[in-house]
Amino acid sequence: MKIEILGMGCPKCKKLYENAQTAVKEANVDADVVKVEDIQKIMNYGIMITPAIAIDGEVKAAGRIPASAEIKQWISKS
């Protein structure tokens, strides 16, 4: 599983990255959590507002910081 945090490195992006790492740990799954800061790659997802999160290429949220519990639910369904 690949979880991508899409954003330019702002404090909100960093918080979303932390929440994703917490969710992966709590769900006890094998997943790579990576930051995507390249604006071109972010735009390829059709994201116009950051931060955003994508799981296995599917954007789950943009423009907000989902809680680790919400991210954990998405991980469980993937």
N, C-alpha and C. Protein backbone atom coordinates (compact mmCIF):
# COMPACT_ATOMS: atom_id res chain seq x y z
N MET A 1 0.84 -1.17 0.00
CA MET A 1 0.00 0.00 0.00
C MET A 1 0.89 1.24 0.00
N LYS A 2 0.51 2.23 -0.79
CA LYS A 2 1.26 3.48 -0.86
C LYS A 2 0.34 4.63 -0.49
N ILE A 3 0.75 5.38 0.52
CA ILE A 3 0.00 6.54 0.97
C ILE A 3 0.83 7.76 0.65
N GLU A 4 0.25 8.67 -0.13
CA GLU A 4 0.97 9.87 -0.53
C GLU A 4 0.35 11.10 0.11
N ILE A 5 1.19 11.92 0.71
CA ILE A 5 0.77 13.19 1.26
C ILE A 5 1.17 14.25 0.24
N LEU A 6 0.19 14.91 -0.33
CA LEU A 6 0.43 15.88 -1.39
C LEU A 6 0.41 17.29 -0.82
N GLY A 7 1.54 17.97 -0.92
CA GLY A 7 1.63 19.33 -0.41
C GLY A 7 3.06 19.83 -0.48
N MET A 8 3.22 21.11 -0.29
CA MET A 8 4.51 21.75 -0.45
C MET A 8 5.35 21.80 0.83
N GLY A 9 4.90 21.16 1.88
CA GLY A 9 5.69 21.13 3.11
C GLY A 9 5.24 22.11 4.17
N CYS A 10 4.04 22.62 4.04
CA CYS A 10 3.51 23.56 5.02
C CYS A 10 3.19 22.82 6.33
N PRO A 11 2.93 23.55 7.41
CA PRO A 11 2.61 22.89 8.69
C PRO A 11 1.41 21.93 8.59
N LYS A 12 0.40 22.29 7.79
CA LYS A 12 -0.76 21.41 7.63
C LYS A 12 -0.37 20.10 6.94
N CYS A 13 0.52 20.20 5.97
CA CYS A 13 1.00 19.01 5.27
C CYS A 13 1.77 18.10 6.23
N LYS A 14 2.58 18.72 7.07
CA LYS A 14 3.35 17.95 8.04
C LYS A 14 2.43 17.25 9.04
N LYS A 15 1.36 17.92 9.45
CA LYS A 15 0.40 17.32 10.39
C LYS A 15 -0.32 16.14 9.73
N LEU A 16 -0.70 16.29 8.47
CA LEU A 16 -1.35 15.20 7.75
C LEU A 16 -0.40 14.01 7.62
N TYR A 17 0.87 14.27 7.37
CA TYR A 17 1.88 13.21 7.29
C TYR A 17 1.96 12.46 8.63
N GLU A 18 1.98 13.19 9.73
CA GLU A 18 2.01 12.58 11.06
C GLU A 18 0.76 11.73 11.29
N ASN A 19 -0.41 12.26 10.93
CA ASN A 19 -1.65 11.52 11.10
C ASN A 19 -1.65 10.22 10.29
N ALA A 20 -1.11 10.29 9.08
CA ALA A 20 -1.05 9.09 8.23
C ALA A 20 -0.12 8.05 8.84
N GLN A 21 1.02 8.48 9.35
CA GLN A 21 1.95 7.55 9.99
C GLN A 21 1.31 6.90 11.22
N THR A 22 0.58 7.68 12.00
CA THR A 22 -0.10 7.15 13.18
C THR A 22 -1.15 6.11 12.77
N ALA A 23 -1.91 6.42 11.72
CA ALA A 23 -2.95 5.51 11.24
C ALA A 23 -2.36 4.18 10.77
N VAL A 24 -1.24 4.24 10.05
CA VAL A 24 -0.58 3.03 9.57
C VAL A 24 -0.11 2.18 10.75
N LYS A 25 0.46 2.84 11.73
CA LYS A 25 0.95 2.13 12.92
C LYS A 25 -0.21 1.47 13.68
N GLU A 26 -1.30 2.23 13.87
CA GLU A 26 -2.45 1.71 14.61
C GLU A 26 -3.15 0.58 13.86
N ALA A 27 -3.19 0.68 12.53
CA ALA A 27 -3.84 -0.35 11.71
C ALA A 27 -2.96 -1.58 11.54
N ASN A 28 -1.68 -1.42 11.88
CA ASN A 28 -0.72 -2.52 11.79
C ASN A 28 -0.68 -3.11 10.37
N VAL A 29 -0.51 -2.21 9.39
CA VAL A 29 -0.42 -2.64 8.00
C VAL A 29 0.93 -2.25 7.43
N ASP A 30 1.29 -2.92 6.35
CA ASP A 30 2.53 -2.61 5.65
C ASP A 30 2.22 -1.56 4.59
N ALA A 31 2.63 -0.33 4.85
CA ALA A 31 2.35 0.76 3.91
C ALA A 31 3.51 1.74 3.89
N ASP A 32 3.76 2.29 2.73
CA ASP A 32 4.76 3.34 2.58
C ASP A 32 4.03 4.68 2.63
N VAL A 33 4.45 5.54 3.54
CA VAL A 33 3.90 6.89 3.63
C VAL A 33 4.96 7.83 3.08
N VAL A 34 4.63 8.50 1.97
CA VAL A 34 5.60 9.38 1.32
C VAL A 34 5.02 10.77 1.13
N LYS A 35 5.91 11.75 1.15
CA LYS A 35 5.53 13.13 0.88
C LYS A 35 5.76 13.40 -0.61
N VAL A 36 4.80 14.04 -1.23
CA VAL A 36 4.93 14.45 -2.63
C VAL A 36 4.89 15.98 -2.63
N GLU A 37 6.04 16.60 -2.88
CA GLU A 37 6.13 18.06 -2.84
C GLU A 37 6.32 18.67 -4.23
N ASP A 38 6.47 17.82 -5.24
CA ASP A 38 6.62 18.30 -6.62
C ASP A 38 5.27 18.80 -7.12
N ILE A 39 5.18 20.09 -7.43
CA ILE A 39 3.91 20.69 -7.84
C ILE A 39 3.33 20.01 -9.08
N GLN A 40 4.19 19.57 -9.99
CA GLN A 40 3.69 18.91 -11.20
C GLN A 40 3.01 17.59 -10.87
N LYS A 41 3.61 16.82 -9.95
CA LYS A 41 3.01 15.55 -9.55
C LYS A 41 1.70 15.77 -8.81
N ILE A 42 1.67 16.81 -8.00
CA ILE A 42 0.43 17.14 -7.27
C ILE A 42 -0.66 17.52 -8.26
N MET A 43 -0.32 18.32 -9.25
CA MET A 43 -1.30 18.73 -10.26
C MET A 43 -1.79 17.56 -11.09
N ASN A 44 -0.96 16.53 -11.27
CA ASN A 44 -1.37 15.35 -12.01
C ASN A 44 -2.54 14.64 -11.33
N TYR A 45 -2.69 14.84 -10.03
CA TYR A 45 -3.82 14.27 -9.29
C TYR A 45 -5.06 15.14 -9.40
N GLY A 46 -4.93 16.31 -9.99
CA GLY A 46 -6.07 17.23 -10.11
C GLY A 46 -6.32 17.99 -8.82
N ILE A 47 -5.33 18.03 -7.95
CA ILE A 47 -5.46 18.71 -6.66
C ILE A 47 -5.24 20.21 -6.87
N MET A 48 -6.18 21.01 -6.39
CA MET A 48 -6.04 22.46 -6.49
C MET A 48 -5.79 23.10 -5.13
N ILE A 49 -5.95 22.32 -4.07
CA ILE A 49 -5.74 22.83 -2.71
C ILE A 49 -5.08 21.74 -1.89
N THR A 50 -4.10 22.13 -1.11
CA THR A 50 -3.39 21.18 -0.27
C THR A 50 -3.65 21.51 1.19
N PRO A 51 -3.41 20.60 2.09
CA PRO A 51 -2.84 19.28 1.86
C PRO A 51 -3.88 18.31 1.30
N ALA A 52 -3.37 17.24 0.75
CA ALA A 52 -4.24 16.18 0.24
C ALA A 52 -3.59 14.84 0.54
N ILE A 53 -4.41 13.80 0.52
CA ILE A 53 -3.92 12.45 0.77
C ILE A 53 -4.47 11.52 -0.30
N ALA A 54 -3.59 10.67 -0.81
CA ALA A 54 -3.98 9.66 -1.80
C ALA A 54 -3.51 8.30 -1.30
N ILE A 55 -4.39 7.31 -1.43
CA ILE A 55 -4.04 5.95 -1.05
C ILE A 55 -4.12 5.09 -2.30
N ASP A 56 -3.00 4.49 -2.63
CA ASP A 56 -2.87 3.68 -3.85
C ASP A 56 -3.38 4.43 -5.08
N GLY A 57 -3.02 5.72 -5.17
CA GLY A 57 -3.35 6.53 -6.33
C GLY A 57 -4.71 7.18 -6.31
N GLU A 58 -5.53 6.90 -5.31
CA GLU A 58 -6.88 7.47 -5.22
C GLU A 58 -6.90 8.58 -4.16
N VAL A 59 -7.26 9.78 -4.58
CA VAL A 59 -7.33 10.92 -3.65
C VAL A 59 -8.51 10.71 -2.70
N LYS A 60 -8.21 10.76 -1.42
CA LYS A 60 -9.24 10.56 -0.39
C LYS A 60 -9.73 11.87 0.20
N ALA A 61 -8.86 12.87 0.28
CA ALA A 61 -9.24 14.17 0.84
C ALA A 61 -8.28 15.23 0.34
N ALA A 62 -8.80 16.45 0.20
CA ALA A 62 -7.98 17.59 -0.20
C ALA A 62 -8.47 18.83 0.52
N GLY A 63 -7.52 19.67 0.91
CA GLY A 63 -7.87 20.93 1.53
C GLY A 63 -8.22 20.84 3.00
N ARG A 64 -7.97 19.69 3.59
CA ARG A 64 -8.24 19.52 5.02
C ARG A 64 -7.29 18.49 5.59
N ILE A 65 -7.30 18.37 6.92
CA ILE A 65 -6.41 17.42 7.60
C ILE A 65 -7.27 16.33 8.24
N PRO A 66 -7.45 15.20 7.56
CA PRO A 66 -8.22 14.11 8.16
C PRO A 66 -7.52 13.57 9.42
N ALA A 67 -8.30 13.22 10.40
CA ALA A 67 -7.76 12.63 11.63
C ALA A 67 -7.20 11.25 11.33
N SER A 68 -6.31 10.78 12.18
CA SER A 68 -5.72 9.46 11.98
C SER A 68 -6.79 8.37 11.98
N ALA A 69 -7.85 8.54 12.75
CA ALA A 69 -8.93 7.54 12.78
C ALA A 69 -9.61 7.43 11.42
N GLU A 70 -9.82 8.56 10.76
CA GLU A 70 -10.45 8.55 9.43
C GLU A 70 -9.52 7.89 8.42
N ILE A 71 -8.24 8.20 8.48
CA ILE A 71 -7.27 7.60 7.57
C ILE A 71 -7.21 6.10 7.81
N LYS A 72 -7.28 5.71 9.06
CA LYS A 72 -7.25 4.27 9.41
C LYS A 72 -8.44 3.54 8.77
N GLN A 73 -9.60 4.18 8.74
CA GLN A 73 -10.77 3.56 8.09
C GLN A 73 -10.52 3.37 6.60
N TRP A 74 -9.93 4.35 5.96
CA TRP A 74 -9.62 4.23 4.53
C TRP A 74 -8.63 3.10 4.28
N ILE A 75 -7.65 3.00 5.17
CA ILE A 75 -6.65 1.93 5.03
C ILE A 75 -7.31 0.56 5.16
N SER A 76 -8.22 0.43 6.09
CA SER A 76 -8.91 -0.84 6.30
C SER A 76 -9.73 -1.27 5.09
N LYS A 77 -10.27 -0.29 4.37
CA LYS A 77 -11.11 -0.59 3.21
C LYS A 77 -10.30 -0.85 1.95
N SER A 78 -9.02 -0.49 1.98
CA SER A 78 -8.17 -0.67 0.79
C SER A 78 -7.56 -2.06 0.74
